[in-house]
PDB file of N, CA and C in Angstrom:
ATOM      1  N   MET A   1     118.113 121.848  95.004  1.00  0.00           N
ATOM      2  CA  MET A   1     117.226 120.926  94.806  1.00  0.00           C
ATOM      3  C   MET A   1     117.338 119.771  95.745  1.00  0.00           C
ATOM      4  N   LEU A   2     116.209 119.051  95.958  1.00  0.00           N
ATOM      5  CA  LEU A   2     116.348 117.895  96.705  1.00  0.00           C
ATOM      6  C   LEU A   2     116.811 116.755  96.181  1.00  0.00           C
ATOM      7  N   ASN A   3     117.946 116.108  96.775  1.00  0.00           N
ATOM      8  CA  ASN A   3     118.471 114.918  96.098  1.00  0.00           C
ATOM      9  C   ASN A   3     118.013 113.822  96.707  1.00  0.00           C
ATOM     10  N   VAL A   4     117.022 113.194  95.966  1.00  0.00           N
ATOM     11  CA  VAL A   4     116.004 112.071  96.473  1.00  0.00           C
ATOM     12  C   VAL A   4     116.911 110.780  96.653  1.00  0.00           C
ATOM     13  N   ALA A   5     117.749 110.544  95.540  1.00  0.00           N
ATOM     14  CA  ALA A   5     118.587 109.359  95.569  1.00  0.00           C
ATOM     15  C   ALA A   5     119.677 109.443  96.799  1.00  0.00           C
ATOM     16  N   GLN A   6     120.196 110.362  97.099  1.00  0.00           N
ATOM     17  CA  GLN A   6     121.151 110.713  98.096  1.00  0.00           C
ATOM     18  C   GLN A   6     120.408 110.317  99.428  1.00  0.00           C
ATOM     19  N   ILE A   7     119.349 110.975  99.631  1.00  0.00           N
ATOM     20  CA  ILE A   7     118.546 110.540 101.122  1.00  0.00           C
ATOM     21  C   ILE A   7     118.101 109.102 100.958  1.00  0.00           C
ATOM     22  N   ARG A   8     117.590 108.627  99.973  1.00  0.00           N
ATOM     23  CA  ARG A   8     117.162 107.234  99.995  1.00  0.00           C
ATOM     24  C   ARG A   8     118.608 106.258 100.196  1.00  0.00           C
ATOM     25  N   ASN A   9     119.602 106.490  99.557  1.00  0.00           N
ATOM     26  CA  ASN A   9     120.741 105.729  99.816  1.00  0.00           C
ATOM     27  C   ASN A   9     121.243 105.912 101.104  1.00  0.00           C
ATOM     28  N   ARG A  10     121.212 107.332 101.890  1.00  0.00           N
ATOM     29  CA  ARG A  10     121.556 107.168 103.191  1.00  0.00           C
ATOM     30  C   ARG A  10     120.639 106.615 104.247  1.00  0.00           C
ATOM     31  N   MET A  11     119.302 106.448 103.684  1.00  0.00           N
ATOM     32  CA  MET A  11     118.456 105.579 104.629  1.00  0.00           C
ATOM     33  C   MET A  11     118.724 104.088 104.469  1.00  0.00           C
ATOM     34  N   GLY A  12     119.397 103.822 103.306  1.00  0.00           N
ATOM     35  CA  GLY A  12     119.563 102.323 103.014  1.00  0.00           C
ATOM     36  C   GLY A  12     118.367 101.589 102.736  1.00  0.00           C
ATOM     37  N   ILE A  13     117.584 102.253 101.795  1.00  0.00           N
ATOM     38  CA  ILE A  13     116.253 101.333 101.403  1.00  0.00           C
ATOM     39  C   ILE A  13     116.183 101.381  99.917  1.00  0.00           C
ATOM     40  N   THR A  14     115.337 100.551  99.315  1.00  0.00           N
ATOM     41  CA  THR A  14     115.054 100.411  97.950  1.00  0.00           C
ATOM     42  C   THR A  14     114.127 101.579  97.461  1.00  0.00           C
ATOM     43  N   GLN A  15     114.014 101.635  96.192  1.00  0.00           N
ATOM     44  CA  GLN A  15     112.987 102.795  95.768  1.00  0.00           C
ATOM     45  C   GLN A  15     111.825 102.286  96.057  1.00  0.00           C
ATOM     46  N   LYS A  16     111.553 101.104  95.857  1.00  0.00           N
ATOM     47  CA  LYS A  16     110.067 100.595  96.110  1.00  0.00           C
ATOM     48  C   LYS A  16     109.742 100.876  97.638  1.00  0.00           C
ATOM     49  N   GLU A  17     110.486 100.747  98.793  1.00  0.00           N
ATOM     50  CA  GLU A  17     110.429 100.861 100.085  1.00  0.00           C
ATOM     51  C   GLU A  17     110.224 102.490 100.371  1.00  0.00           C
ATOM     52  N   PHE A  18     110.990 103.218  99.630  1.00  0.00           N
ATOM     53  CA  PHE A  18     111.039 104.581  99.806  1.00  0.00           C
ATOM     54  C   PHE A  18     109.758 105.207  99.364  1.00  0.00           C
ATOM     55  N   ALA A  19     109.242 104.471  98.076  1.00  0.00           N
ATOM     56  CA  ALA A  19     108.098 104.979  97.511  1.00  0.00           C
ATOM     57  C   ALA A  19     106.793 104.710  98.557  1.00  0.00           C
ATOM     58  N   LYS A  20     106.845 103.677  98.832  1.00  0.00           N
ATOM     59  CA  LYS A  20     105.871 102.998  99.971  1.00  0.00           C
ATOM     60  C   LYS A  20     105.657 104.133 101.033  1.00  0.00           C
ATOM     61  N   ARG A  21     106.704 104.421 101.654  1.00  0.00           N
ATOM     62  CA  ARG A  21     106.908 105.427 102.821  1.00  0.00           C
ATOM     63  C   ARG A  21     106.578 106.953 102.520  1.00  0.00           C
ATOM     64  N   VAL A  22     106.669 107.269 101.245  1.00  0.00           N
ATOM     65  CA  VAL A  22     106.267 108.559 100.887  1.00  0.00           C
ATOM     66  C   VAL A  22     105.019 108.656 100.350  1.00  0.00           C
ATOM     67  N   GLY A  23     104.377 107.438  99.962  1.00  0.00           N
ATOM     68  CA  GLY A  23     103.131 107.361  99.443  1.00  0.00           C
ATOM     69  C   GLY A  23     102.919 107.648  97.963  1.00  0.00           C
ATOM     70  N   VAL A  24     103.974 107.307  97.075  1.00  0.00           N
ATOM     71  CA  VAL A  24     103.882 107.516  95.884  1.00  0.00           C
ATOM     72  C   VAL A  24     104.371 106.025  95.191  1.00  0.00           C
ATOM     73  N   THR A  25     104.319 106.082  93.820  1.00  0.00           N
ATOM     74  CA  THR A  25     104.866 104.849  93.109  1.00  0.00           C
ATOM     75  C   THR A  25     106.149 104.762  93.062  1.00  0.00           C
ATOM     76  N   PRO A  26     106.913 103.417  92.940  1.00  0.00           N
ATOM     77  CA  PRO A  26     108.438 103.406  92.451  1.00  0.00           C
ATOM     78  C   PRO A  26     108.910 104.194  91.328  1.00  0.00           C
ATOM     79  N   LEU A  27     107.855 104.322  90.332  1.00  0.00           N
ATOM     80  CA  LEU A  27     108.274 105.127  89.016  1.00  0.00           C
ATOM     81  C   LEU A  27     108.635 106.653  89.291  1.00  0.00           C
ATOM     82  N   ALA A  28     107.631 107.130  90.340  1.00  0.00           N
ATOM     83  CA  ALA A  28     107.808 108.447  90.729  1.00  0.00           C
ATOM     84  C   ALA A  28     109.129 108.655  91.428  1.00  0.00           C
ATOM     85  N   ILE A  29     109.555 107.680  92.375  1.00  0.00           N
ATOM     86  CA  ILE A  29     111.051 107.868  92.940  1.00  0.00           C
ATOM     87  C   ILE A  29     111.942 107.761  91.826  1.00  0.00           C
ATOM     88  N   ALA A  30     111.950 106.932  90.713  1.00  0.00           N
ATOM     89  CA  ALA A  30     112.823 106.668  89.875  1.00  0.00           C
ATOM     90  C   ALA A  30     112.809 108.035  88.921  1.00  0.00           C
ATOM     91  N   ASN A  31     111.915 108.865  88.703  1.00  0.00           N
ATOM     92  CA  ASN A  31     111.757 110.161  87.957  1.00  0.00           C
ATOM     93  C   ASN A  31     112.487 110.997  88.915  1.00  0.00           C
ATOM     94  N   TRP A  32     112.172 111.072  90.089  1.00  0.00           N
ATOM     95  CA  TRP A  32     112.547 112.200  91.021  1.00  0.00           C
ATOM     96  C   TRP A  32     114.182 111.812  91.125  1.00  0.00           C
ATOM     97  N   GLU A  33     114.759 110.895  91.059  1.00  0.00           N
ATOM     98  CA  GLU A  33     116.105 110.583  91.039  1.00  0.00           C
ATOM     99  C   GLU A  33     116.733 110.832  89.761  1.00  0.00           C
ATOM    100  N   LYS A  34     116.069 110.808  88.688  1.00  0.00           N
ATOM    101  CA  LYS A  34     116.561 111.562  87.489  1.00  0.00           C
ATOM    102  C   LYS A  34     116.570 112.908  87.250  1.00  0.00           C
ATOM    103  N   GLY A  35     115.892 113.619  88.193  1.00  0.00           N
ATOM    104  CA  GLY A  35     115.896 114.918  88.031  1.00  0.00           C
ATOM    105  C   GLY A  35     114.298 115.632  88.156  1.00  0.00           C
ATOM    106  N   VAL A  36     113.364 114.953  87.957  1.00  0.00           N
ATOM    107  CA  VAL A  36     112.025 115.515  87.978  1.00  0.00           C
ATOM    108  C   VAL A  36     111.951 116.050  89.442  1.00  0.00           C
ATOM    109  N   THR A  37     111.170 117.222  89.563  1.00  0.00           N
ATOM    110  CA  THR A  37     110.923 117.775  90.806  1.00  0.00           C
ATOM    111  C   THR A  37     109.907 117.193  91.526  1.00  0.00           C
ATOM    112  N   PRO A  38     109.983 116.593  92.904  1.00  0.00           N
ATOM    113  CA  PRO A  38     108.741 116.371  93.469  1.00  0.00           C
ATOM    114  C   PRO A  38     107.632 117.507  93.776  1.00  0.00           C
ATOM    115  N   ARG A  39     106.397 117.064  93.993  1.00  0.00           N
ATOM    116  CA  ARG A  39     105.346 118.261  94.366  1.00  0.00           C
ATOM    117  C   ARG A  39     105.749 118.695  95.721  1.00  0.00           C
ATOM    118  N   ASP A  40     105.366 119.928  96.080  1.00  0.00           N
ATOM    119  CA  ASP A  40     105.569 120.447  97.361  1.00  0.00           C
ATOM    120  C   ASP A  40     105.192 119.305  98.609  1.00  0.00           C
ATOM    121  N   ARG A  41     103.966 118.941  98.632  1.00  0.00           N
ATOM    122  CA  ARG A  41     103.535 117.917  99.459  1.00  0.00           C
ATOM    123  C   ARG A  41     104.307 116.555  99.743  1.00  0.00           C
ATOM    124  N   HIS A  42     105.147 116.261  98.596  1.00  0.00           N
ATOM    125  CA  HIS A  42     106.109 115.212  98.678  1.00  0.00           C
ATOM    126  C   HIS A  42     107.419 115.654  99.203  1.00  0.00           C
ATOM    127  N   ILE A  43     107.773 116.709  99.019  1.00  0.00           N
ATOM    128  CA  ILE A  43     109.130 117.387  99.587  1.00  0.00           C
ATOM    129  C   ILE A  43     108.851 117.310 100.925  1.00  0.00           C
ATOM    130  N   LYS A  44     107.773 117.727 101.499  1.00  0.00           N
ATOM    131  CA  LYS A  44     107.413 117.574 102.892  1.00  0.00           C
ATOM    132  C   LYS A  44     107.665 116.418 103.583  1.00  0.00           C
ATOM    133  N   SER A  45     106.981 115.218 102.742  1.00  0.00           N
ATOM    134  CA  SER A  45     106.889 113.934 103.244  1.00  0.00           C
ATOM    135  C   SER A  45     108.426 113.237 103.095  1.00  0.00           C
ATOM    136  N   ILE A  46     109.301 113.575 102.053  1.00  0.00           N
ATOM    137  CA  ILE A  46     110.564 113.285 102.102  1.00  0.00           C
ATOM    138  C   ILE A  46     111.223 113.712 103.221  1.00  0.00           C
ATOM    139  N   ILE A  47     111.280 115.045 103.436  1.00  0.00           N
ATOM    140  CA  ILE A  47     112.049 115.667 104.545  1.00  0.00           C
ATOM    141  C   ILE A  47     111.657 115.073 105.838  1.00  0.00           C
ATOM    142  N   GLU A  48     110.388 114.968 106.006  1.00  0.00           N
ATOM    143  CA  GLU A  48     109.986 114.304 107.481  1.00  0.00           C
ATOM    144  C   GLU A  48     110.579 112.877 107.409  1.00  0.00           C
ATOM    145  N   LEU A  49     110.317 112.227 106.469  1.00  0.00           N
ATOM    146  CA  LEU A  49     111.068 110.841 106.251  1.00  0.00           C
ATOM    147  C   LEU A  49     112.268 110.724 106.807  1.00  0.00           C
ATOM    148  N   ALA A  50     113.051 111.455 106.010  1.00  0.00           N
ATOM    149  CA  ALA A  50     114.450 111.639 106.261  1.00  0.00           C
ATOM    150  C   ALA A  50     114.822 111.953 107.706  1.00  0.00           C
ATOM    151  N   HIS A  51     114.296 112.700 108.251  1.00  0.00           N
ATOM    152  CA  HIS A  51     114.618 113.341 109.596  1.00  0.00           C
ATOM    153  C   HIS A  51     114.061 111.934 110.567  1.00  0.00           C
ATOM    154  N   SER A  52     113.181 111.546 110.282  1.00  0.00           N
ATOM    155  CA  SER A  52     112.910 110.307 111.135  1.00  0.00           C
ATOM    156  C   SER A  52     113.734 109.164 111.020  1.00  0.00           C
ATOM    157  N   HIS A  53     114.655 109.222 110.206  1.00  0.00           N
ATOM    158  CA  HIS A  53     115.710 108.324 110.002  1.00  0.00           C
ATOM    159  C   HIS A  53     117.170 108.827 110.422  1.00  0.00           C
ATOM    160  N   ASN A  54     117.006 110.272 110.898  1.00  0.00           N
ATOM    161  CA  ASN A  54     118.161 111.079 111.151  1.00  0.00           C
ATOM    162  C   ASN A  54     119.273 110.983 110.060  1.00  0.00           C
ATOM    163  N   VAL A  55     118.664 111.236 108.898  1.00  0.00           N
ATOM    164  CA  VAL A  55     119.253 111.469 107.714  1.00  0.00           C
ATOM    165  C   VAL A  55     119.016 113.170 107.464  1.00  0.00           C
ATOM    166  N   ARG A  56     119.963 113.774 107.137  1.00  0.00           N
ATOM    167  CA  ARG A  56     120.186 115.215 107.038  1.00  0.00           C
ATOM    168  C   ARG A  56     119.871 115.564 105.557  1.00  0.00           C
ATOM    169  N   VAL A  57     118.973 116.564 105.218  1.00  0.00           N
ATOM    170  CA  VAL A  57     118.709 116.882 104.062  1.00  0.00           C
ATOM    171  C   VAL A  57     119.418 118.087 103.683  1.00  0.00           C
ATOM    172  N   GLY A  58     120.220 118.092 102.521  1.00  0.00           N
ATOM    173  CA  GLY A  58     121.066 119.241 102.286  1.00  0.00           C
ATOM    174  C   GLY A  58     120.338 120.544 102.007  1.00  0.00           C
ATOM    175  N   ASP A  59     119.516 120.301 101.250  1.00  0.00           N
ATOM    176  CA  ASP A  59     118.579 121.582 100.645  1.00  0.00           C
ATOM    177  C   ASP A  59     117.361 121.783 101.149  1.00  0.00           C
ATOM    178  N   GLU A  60     117.101 121.917 102.644  1.00  0.00           N
ATOM    179  CA  GLU A  60     115.653 121.672 103.159  1.00  0.00           C
ATOM    180  C   GLU A  60     114.902 123.013 102.835  1.00  0.00           C
ATOM    181  N   LYS A  61     113.975 122.870 102.189  1.00  0.00           N
ATOM    182  CA  LYS A  61     113.112 123.949 101.706  1.00  0.00           C
ATOM    183  C   LYS A  61     111.605 123.418 102.149  1.00  0.00           C
ATOM    184  N   LEU A  62     110.780 124.418 102.874  1.00  0.00           N
ATOM    185  CA  LEU A  62     109.448 123.976 103.121  1.00  0.00           C
ATOM    186  C   LEU A  62     108.466 124.312 101.982  1.00  0.00           C
ATOM    187  N   PRO A  63     107.653 123.443 101.908  1.00  0.00           N
ATOM    188  CA  PRO A  63     106.642 123.620 100.871  1.00  0.00           C
ATOM    189  C   PRO A  63     106.115 125.144 100.951  1.00  0.00           C
ATOM    190  N   SER A  64     105.563 125.718  99.621  1.00  0.00           N
ATOM    191  CA  SER A  64     105.196 126.889  99.557  1.00  0.00           C
ATOM    192  C   SER A  64     104.056 127.107 100.455  1.00  0.00           C
ATOM    193  N   ASP A  65     103.023 126.269 100.377  1.00  0.00           N
ATOM    194  CA  ASP A  65     101.806 126.602 101.331  1.00  0.00           C
ATOM    195  C   ASP A  65     102.174 126.442 102.853  1.00  0.00           C
ATOM    196  N   GLU A  66     103.233 125.825 103.130  1.00  0.00           N
ATOM    197  CA  GLU A  66     103.605 125.816 104.724  1.00  0.00           C
ATOM    198  C   GLU A  66     104.192 127.214 104.936  1.00  0.00           C
ATOM    199  N   LEU A  67     105.051 127.621 103.894  1.00  0.00           N
ATOM    200  CA  LEU A  67     105.772 128.896 104.216  1.00  0.00           C
ATOM    201  C   LEU A  67     104.639 130.039 104.145  1.00  0.00           C
ATOM    202  N   LEU A  68     103.594 129.861 103.383  1.00  0.00           N
ATOM    203  CA  LEU A  68     102.559 130.946 103.308  1.00  0.00           C
ATOM    204  C   LEU A  68     101.810 131.104 104.750  1.00  0.00           C
ATOM    205  N   GLU A  69     101.631 129.653 105.358  1.00  0.00           N
ATOM    206  CA  GLU A  69     101.025 129.589 106.615  1.00  0.00           C
ATOM    207  C   GLU A  69     102.028 130.236 107.800  1.00  0.00           C
ATOM    208  N   LEU A  70     103.240 129.877 107.709  1.00  0.00           N
ATOM    209  CA  LEU A  70     104.366 130.510 108.859  1.00  0.00           C
ATOM    210  C   LEU A  70     104.206 131.789 108.592  1.00  0.00           C
ATOM    211  N   LYS A  71     104.245 132.517 107.312  1.00  0.00           N
ATOM    212  CA  LYS A  71     104.476 133.952 107.198  1.00  0.00           C
ATOM    213  C   LYS A  71     103.185 134.476 107.807  1.00  0.00           C
ATOM    214  N   LYS A  72     101.940 134.106 107.740  1.00  0.00           N
ATOM    215  CA  LYS A  72     100.452 134.350 108.335  1.00  0.00           C
ATOM    216  C   LYS A  72     100.720 134.471 109.668  1.00  0.00           C
ATOM    217  N   GLU A  73     101.318 133.349 110.313  1.00  0.00           N
ATOM    218  CA  GLU A  73     101.476 133.216 111.644  1.00  0.00           C
ATOM    219  C   GLU A  73     102.399 134.393 112.227  1.00  0.00           C
ATOM    220  N   LEU A  74     103.405 134.536 111.460  1.00  0.00           N
ATOM    221  CA  LEU A  74     104.506 135.686 112.038  1.00  0.00           C
ATOM    222  C   LEU A  74     103.846 136.985 111.804  1.00  0.00           C
ATOM    223  N   LYS A  75     103.087 137.439 110.929  1.00  0.00           N
ATOM    224  CA  LYS A  75     102.360 138.447 110.666  1.00  0.00           C
ATOM    225  C   LYS A  75     101.402 138.668 111.892  1.00  0.00           C
ATOM    226  N   ASP A  76     100.612 137.764 112.348  1.00  0.00           N
ATOM    227  CA  ASP A  76      99.662 137.587 113.349  1.00  0.00           C
ATOM    228  C   ASP A  76     100.368 138.093 114.737  1.00  0.00           C
ATOM    229  N   MET A  77     101.628 137.282 114.997  1.00  0.00           N
ATOM    230  CA  MET A  77     102.282 137.637 116.139  1.00  0.00           C
ATOM    231  C   MET A  77     102.848 139.041 116.144  1.00  0.00           C
ATOM    232  N   LEU A  78     103.314 139.499 115.210  1.00  0.00           N
ATOM    233  CA  LEU A  78     103.919 140.900 115.047  1.00  0.00           C
ATOM    234  C   LEU A  78     102.852 141.854 115.181  1.00  0.00           C
ATOM    235  N   TYR A  79     101.704 141.590 115.011  1.00  0.00           N
ATOM    236  CA  TYR A  79     100.506 142.582 114.888  1.00  0.00           C
ATOM    237  C   TYR A  79     100.187 142.337 116.516  1.00  0.00           C
ATOM    238  N   LYS A  80      99.936 141.378 117.063  1.00  0.00           N
ATOM    239  CA  LYS A  80      99.789 141.211 118.551  1.00  0.00           C
ATOM    240  C   LYS A  80     100.935 141.902 119.443  1.00  0.00           C
ATOM    241  N   THR A  81     102.102 141.614 119.121  1.00  0.00           N
ATOM    242  CA  THR A  81     103.302 142.431 119.756  1.00  0.00           C
ATOM    243  C   THR A  81     103.228 143.839 119.735  1.00  0.00           C
ATOM    244  N   GLU A  82     102.787 144.291 118.461  1.00  0.00           N
ATOM    245  CA  GLU A  82     102.629 145.680 118.326  1.00  0.00           C
ATOM    246  C   GLU A  82     101.625 146.418 119.201  1.00  0.00           C
ATOM    247  N   MET A  83     100.349 145.492 119.238  1.00  0.00           N
ATOM    248  CA  MET A  83      99.266 145.908 120.004  1.00  0.00           C
ATOM    249  C   MET A  83      99.541 146.099 121.578  1.00  0.00           C
ATOM    250  N   ALA A  84     100.391 145.110 122.087  1.00  0.00           N
ATOM    251  CA  ALA A  84     100.880 144.889 123.304  1.00  0.00           C
ATOM    252  C   ALA A  84     101.714 146.093 123.718  1.00  0.00           C
ATOM    253  N   VAL A  85     102.612 146.358 122.841  1.00  0.00           N
ATOM    254  CA  VAL A  85     103.717 147.538 123.152  1.00  0.00           C
ATOM    255  C   VAL A  85     102.766 148.795 123.131  1.00  0.00           C
ATOM    256  N   LEU A  86     101.956 148.998 122.258  1.00  0.00           N
ATOM    257  CA  LEU A  86     101.034 150.269 122.483  1.00  0.00           C
ATOM    258  C   LEU A  86     100.284 150.262 123.783  1.00  0.00           C
ATOM    259  N   THR A  87      99.907 149.040 124.193  1.00  0.00           N
ATOM    260  CA  THR A  87      99.043 149.138 125.347  1.00  0.00           C
ATOM    261  C   THR A  87      99.762 149.512 126.620  1.00  0.00           C
ATOM    262  N   LEU A  88     101.213 148.922 126.433  1.00  0.00           N
ATOM    263  CA  LEU A  88     102.101 149.043 127.599  1.00  0.00           C
ATOM    264  C   LEU A  88     102.482 150.536 127.625  1.00  0.00           C
ATOM    265  N   ASN A  89     102.669 151.125 126.436  1.00  0.00           N
ATOM    266  CA  ASN A  89     102.972 152.649 126.537  1.00  0.00           C
ATOM    267  C   ASN A  89     101.867 153.429 127.011  1.00  0.00           C
ATOM    268  N   ASN A  90     100.596 153.069 126.796  1.00  0.00           N
ATOM    269  CA  ASN A  90      99.518 153.944 127.186  1.00  0.00           C
ATOM    270  C   ASN A  90      99.275 153.600 128.701  1.00  0.00           C
ATOM    271  N   ILE A  91      99.593 152.391 129.198  1.00  0.00           N
ATOM    272  CA  ILE A  91      99.756 152.292 130.625  1.00  0.00           C
ATOM    273  C   ILE A  91     100.685 153.171 131.316  1.00  0.00           C
ATOM    274  N   SER A  92     101.813 153.108 130.673  1.00  0.00           N
ATOM    275  CA  SER A  92     103.163 153.852 131.092  1.00  0.00           C
ATOM    276  C   SER A  92     102.719 155.358 131.220  1.00  0.00           C
ATOM    277  N   ILE A  93     102.099 155.900 130.060  1.00  0.00           N
ATOM    278  CA  ILE A  93     101.890 157.165 130.305  1.00  0.00           C
ATOM    279  C   ILE A  93     100.737 157.647 131.302  1.00  0.00           C
ATOM    280  N   LYS A  94      99.825 156.694 131.329  1.00  0.00           N
ATOM    281  CA  LYS A  94      98.762 157.151 132.397  1.00  0.00           C
ATOM    282  C   LYS A  94      99.362 156.782 133.812  1.00  0.00           C
ATOM    283  N   LEU A  95     100.228 155.995 134.075  1.00  0.00           N
ATOM    284  CA  LEU A  95     100.765 155.877 135.414  1.00  0.00           C
ATOM    285  C   LEU A  95     101.685 157.335 135.786  1.00  0.00           C
ATOM    286  N   LYS A  96     102.525 157.384 134.656  1.00  0.00           N
ATOM    287  CA  LYS A  96     103.497 158.651 134.775  1.00  0.00           C
ATOM    288  C   LYS A  96     102.637 159.910 135.138  1.00  0.00           C
ATOM    289  N   ASN A  97     101.473 160.087 134.432  1.00  0.00           N
ATOM    290  CA  ASN A  97     100.511 161.277 134.730  1.00  0.00           C
ATOM    291  C   ASN A  97     100.034 161.193 136.032  1.00  0.00           C
ATOM    292  N   TYR A  98      99.647 159.926 136.497  1.00  0.00           N
ATOM    293  CA  TYR A  98      99.046 159.776 137.795  1.00  0.00           C
ATOM    294  C   TYR A  98      99.931 160.065 138.880  1.00  0.00           C
ATOM    295  N   LEU A  99     101.157 159.727 138.675  1.00  0.00           N
ATOM    296  CA  LEU A  99     102.366 159.843 139.675  1.00  0.00           C
ATOM    297  C   LEU A  99     102.881 161.206 139.745  1.00  0.00           C
ATOM    298  N   ASP A 100     102.570 161.977 138.574  1.00  0.00           N
ATOM    299  CA  ASP A 100     103.427 163.339 138.714  1.00  0.00           C
ATOM    300  C   ASP A 100     102.472 164.123 139.293  1.00  0.00           C
TER     301      ASP A 100
END
């Protein structure tokens, strides 16, 4: 779980300032620090804010929508790689036949 209080304390800023930078109310920050889980889009903002202040986040997890996008990109890359390998194999076979 994302420890918002720890991140904020490491940054050395108040709940009000942290809330302003993340784009939420100070009440949301107080709730997060009490254990309410931030929404995915806020988790991303918190991690980016922490990184911009060189604060390491212990349990860094990407939001689910970003994970889905990365999964799609990886799937596309794998498909393109498979097509490239098949093309190279066909070229290799043709060259071998031509040279034999």
